[in-house]
Amino acid sequence: MNKVILDDIMGLPAYEKVREKFRQRVIELKKKRRVPVSDKVSLVFENRETVIFQIHEMMWAERITDLDKIREEIEVYNGLIPEPGELSATLFLEIEDQSHLRDDLLRFLGVDEAVFLNIGTRKIQARFEEGRSKDDKISAVQYVKFPFTADERAAFAGSAEATLLVEHPNDQAQVRLEAETRESLLADLQG
């Protein structure tokens, strides 16, 4: 999947004119790509379109117009675009009660070893971005990638069932990927 370049990004005045329509289109896209695994863990699978939207939204929210700062945003968010043969997602640890946020988040230490995508009998462990979890601290937002072999891509494209799993001592759940989600993700895997 092609990375985002500066030419893909509208200036702030141009974006403001189309923001609502663009936003609605990406919200509809993300409905197919958001997978709640449990009441505490959900993933949104990213692609080039969701990343372009995020860059525009950061520019809009922070009123960024400086080209160097826009390039920095592009560089950061390009890390979310999946490489050939992989899926990329933002994982959210959803803590509703903010009064115990730190303690509740710390219960998820080790989650970076506990998220998998099963395709038939194949089990793909999520690779988490480094630096978002330490011995005494964890971010509620994690960035993960699922690297596929050629056989796993073929199984995903075929009839093998696909499920997301969390196998953490404090949260164990699994959910089957719906056909609409698989179809959207298959486009990512095929480039």
Protein backbone atom coordinates (compact mmCIF):
# COMPACT_ATOMS: atom_id res chain seq x y z
CA MET A 1 0.00 0.00 0.00
CA ASN A 2 1.46 3.37 -0.99
CA LYS A 3 2.58 5.69 1.77
CA VAL A 4 1.06 9.16 2.06
CA ILE A 5 3.01 12.03 0.52
CA LEU A 6 2.55 15.77 0.89
CA ASP A 7 0.65 15.97 -2.43
CA ASP A 8 -2.06 13.71 -0.92
CA ILE A 9 -2.84 16.28 1.76
CA MET A 10 -5.13 19.27 1.24
CA GLY A 11 -4.33 22.60 2.78
CA LEU A 12 -6.39 23.53 5.81
CA PRO A 13 -8.79 25.91 3.96
CA ALA A 14 -9.49 23.29 1.27
CA TYR A 15 -9.98 20.55 3.87
CA GLU A 16 -12.43 22.65 5.85
CA LYS A 17 -14.64 22.93 2.74
CA VAL A 18 -14.89 19.14 2.32
CA ARG A 19 -14.35 18.01 5.91
CA GLU A 20 -17.89 16.94 6.74
CA LYS A 21 -18.31 14.85 3.58
CA PHE A 22 -14.82 13.32 3.95
CA ARG A 23 -15.47 12.63 7.63
CA GLN A 24 -18.76 10.85 6.92
CA ARG A 25 -17.13 8.68 4.25
CA VAL A 26 -14.35 7.59 6.63
CA ILE A 27 -16.82 6.97 9.47
CA GLU A 28 -18.69 4.58 7.16
CA LEU A 29 -15.42 2.91 6.16
CA LYS A 30 -14.36 2.51 9.80
CA LYS A 31 -17.68 0.85 10.68
CA LYS A 32 -16.53 -2.09 8.55
CA ARG A 33 -13.04 -2.00 10.00
CA ARG A 34 -13.79 -1.62 13.73
CA VAL A 35 -13.83 -4.89 15.64
CA PRO A 36 -14.80 -4.92 19.32
CA VAL A 37 -13.17 -8.04 20.76
CA SER A 38 -14.39 -7.51 24.32
CA ASP A 39 -15.90 -4.69 26.33
CA LYS A 40 -12.34 -3.48 27.05
CA VAL A 41 -10.48 -4.14 23.78
CA SER A 42 -11.32 -3.08 20.25
CA LEU A 43 -9.31 -2.70 17.07
CA VAL A 44 -9.73 -0.39 14.09
CA PHE A 45 -7.89 -1.64 11.05
CA GLU A 46 -6.05 1.15 9.28
CA ASN A 47 -5.40 1.75 5.61
CA ARG A 48 -4.25 4.63 3.45
CA GLU A 49 -7.64 6.36 3.51
CA THR A 50 -7.98 6.22 7.30
CA VAL A 51 -4.44 7.57 7.66
CA ILE A 52 -5.04 10.46 5.27
CA PHE A 53 -8.13 11.30 7.29
CA GLN A 54 -6.16 11.22 10.57
CA ILE A 55 -3.53 13.56 9.15
CA HIS A 56 -6.18 15.99 7.99
CA GLU A 57 -7.95 15.84 11.34
CA MET A 58 -4.71 16.54 13.22
CA MET A 59 -4.08 19.52 10.95
CA TRP A 60 -7.64 20.73 11.54
CA ALA A 61 -7.63 20.21 15.33
CA GLU A 62 -4.21 21.76 15.86
CA ARG A 63 -4.56 24.37 13.09
CA ILE A 64 -1.34 23.12 11.42
CA THR A 65 -0.39 24.99 8.26
CA ASP A 66 3.42 24.83 8.40
CA LEU A 67 4.65 22.40 5.69
CA ASP A 68 7.41 20.98 7.89
CA LYS A 69 4.91 20.17 10.64
CA ILE A 70 2.59 18.58 8.07
CA ARG A 71 5.50 16.46 6.83
CA GLU A 72 6.12 15.37 10.43
CA GLU A 73 2.48 14.29 10.79
CA ILE A 74 2.73 12.38 7.52
CA GLU A 75 5.86 10.59 8.71
CA VAL A 76 4.27 9.62 12.02
CA TYR A 77 1.00 8.39 10.52
CA ASN A 78 2.65 6.56 7.62
CA GLY A 79 3.70 4.00 10.23
CA LEU A 80 0.05 2.93 10.44
CA ILE A 81 -0.18 2.02 6.76
CA PRO A 82 0.25 -1.73 6.37
CA GLU A 83 3.19 -3.06 4.41
CA PRO A 84 2.51 -5.65 1.70
CA GLY A 85 1.26 -8.87 3.29
CA GLU A 86 0.22 -7.40 6.62
CA LEU A 87 -2.71 -5.80 8.36
CA SER A 88 -2.32 -2.76 10.60
CA ALA A 89 -4.63 -1.67 13.40
CA THR A 90 -5.06 0.74 16.23
CA LEU A 91 -5.94 -1.15 19.40
CA PHE A 92 -7.95 0.69 22.03
CA LEU A 93 -8.03 -0.25 25.69
CA GLU A 94 -11.44 1.13 26.55
CA ILE A 95 -11.64 2.29 30.13
CA GLU A 96 -14.90 4.08 30.85
CA ASP A 97 -14.36 4.94 34.52
CA GLN A 98 -11.63 7.59 34.39
CA SER A 99 -11.32 7.76 38.19
CA HIS A 100 -9.10 4.65 38.24
CA LEU A 101 -7.63 5.00 34.75
CA ARG A 102 -4.00 4.31 35.63
CA ASP A 103 -4.80 1.22 37.74
CA ASP A 104 -7.23 -0.13 35.15
CA LEU A 105 -4.70 0.37 32.36
CA LEU A 106 -1.96 -1.35 34.37
CA ARG A 107 -4.17 -4.45 34.48
CA PHE A 108 -3.43 -4.72 30.75
CA LEU A 109 0.35 -4.90 31.04
CA GLY A 110 1.38 -7.82 28.87
CA VAL A 111 -1.38 -7.28 26.32
CA ASP A 112 1.38 -6.92 23.73
CA GLU A 113 1.89 -10.69 24.01
CA ALA A 114 -1.81 -11.58 24.10
CA VAL A 115 -3.49 -10.48 20.84
CA PHE A 116 -3.86 -12.84 17.91
CA LEU A 117 -5.60 -13.23 14.58
CA ASN A 118 -6.61 -16.82 13.87
CA ILE A 119 -7.14 -17.87 10.29
CA GLY A 120 -8.45 -21.39 10.27
CA THR A 121 -5.83 -23.31 12.26
CA ARG A 122 -3.14 -20.65 11.79
CA LYS A 123 -2.43 -18.21 14.63
CA ILE A 124 -0.83 -14.84 13.86
CA GLN A 125 0.48 -12.94 16.87
CA ALA A 126 0.10 -9.17 16.76
CA ARG A 127 3.33 -7.18 16.72
CA PHE A 128 2.95 -4.10 18.89
CA GLU A 129 4.74 -0.82 18.30
CA GLU A 130 7.52 -0.50 20.85
CA GLY A 131 7.54 2.15 23.55
CA ARG A 132 3.80 2.23 24.30
CA SER A 133 4.07 -0.16 27.24
CA LYS A 134 6.61 -0.33 30.08
CA ASP A 135 6.80 -2.13 33.41
CA ASP A 136 4.82 0.58 35.18
CA LYS A 137 2.96 2.31 32.36
CA ILE A 138 0.79 1.45 29.37
CA SER A 139 -0.95 3.56 26.76
CA ALA A 140 -4.68 3.15 26.14
CA VAL A 141 -3.91 3.37 22.41
CA GLN A 142 -1.62 0.75 20.87
CA TYR A 143 -0.51 0.26 17.28
CA VAL A 144 -0.33 -3.32 16.04
CA LYS A 145 0.54 -5.20 12.88
CA PHE A 146 -0.37 -8.71 11.82
CA PRO A 147 2.25 -10.14 9.40
CA PHE A 148 0.86 -12.79 7.04
CA THR A 149 2.65 -15.56 5.19
CA ALA A 150 1.53 -16.36 1.64
CA ASP A 151 -0.40 -19.40 2.96
CA GLU A 152 -2.14 -17.27 5.59
CA ARG A 153 -3.14 -14.70 2.96
CA ALA A 154 -4.57 -17.49 0.80
CA ALA A 155 -6.50 -18.92 3.76
CA PHE A 156 -7.83 -15.46 4.66
CA ALA A 157 -8.95 -14.94 1.05
CA GLY A 158 -10.56 -18.38 1.05
CA SER A 159 -13.13 -19.91 3.32
CA ALA A 160 -11.08 -20.27 6.51
CA GLU A 161 -12.78 -18.68 9.51
CA ALA A 162 -10.97 -15.61 10.87
CA THR A 163 -11.18 -14.58 14.52
CA LEU A 164 -9.50 -11.97 16.67
CA LEU A 165 -8.45 -13.18 20.11
CA VAL A 166 -7.30 -11.60 23.33
CA GLU A 167 -5.65 -14.12 25.63
CA HIS A 168 -4.71 -11.90 28.56
CA PRO A 169 -5.18 -12.95 32.20
CA ASN A 170 -7.50 -9.96 32.77
CA ASP A 171 -9.38 -10.12 29.47
CA GLN A 172 -10.06 -13.22 27.42
CA ALA A 173 -12.31 -12.94 24.43
CA GLN A 174 -12.63 -13.74 20.78
CA VAL A 175 -14.77 -12.52 17.92
CA ARG A 176 -15.25 -13.78 14.39
CA LEU A 177 -14.57 -11.28 11.62
CA GLU A 178 -17.71 -10.55 9.65
CA ALA A 179 -17.71 -10.95 5.86
CA GLU A 180 -17.84 -7.19 5.29
CA THR A 181 -14.78 -6.68 7.51
CA ARG A 182 -12.85 -9.50 5.84
CA GLU A 183 -13.60 -8.10 2.41
CA SER A 184 -12.30 -4.67 3.41
CA LEU A 185 -9.17 -6.14 5.01
CA LEU A 186 -8.50 -8.44 2.08
CA ALA A 187 -8.12 -5.36 -0.12
CA ASP A 188 -5.32 -4.24 2.26
CA LEU A 189 -3.57 -7.59 2.07
CA GLN A 190 -3.69 -7.60 -1.70
CA GLY A 191 -2.10 -4.17 -1.84
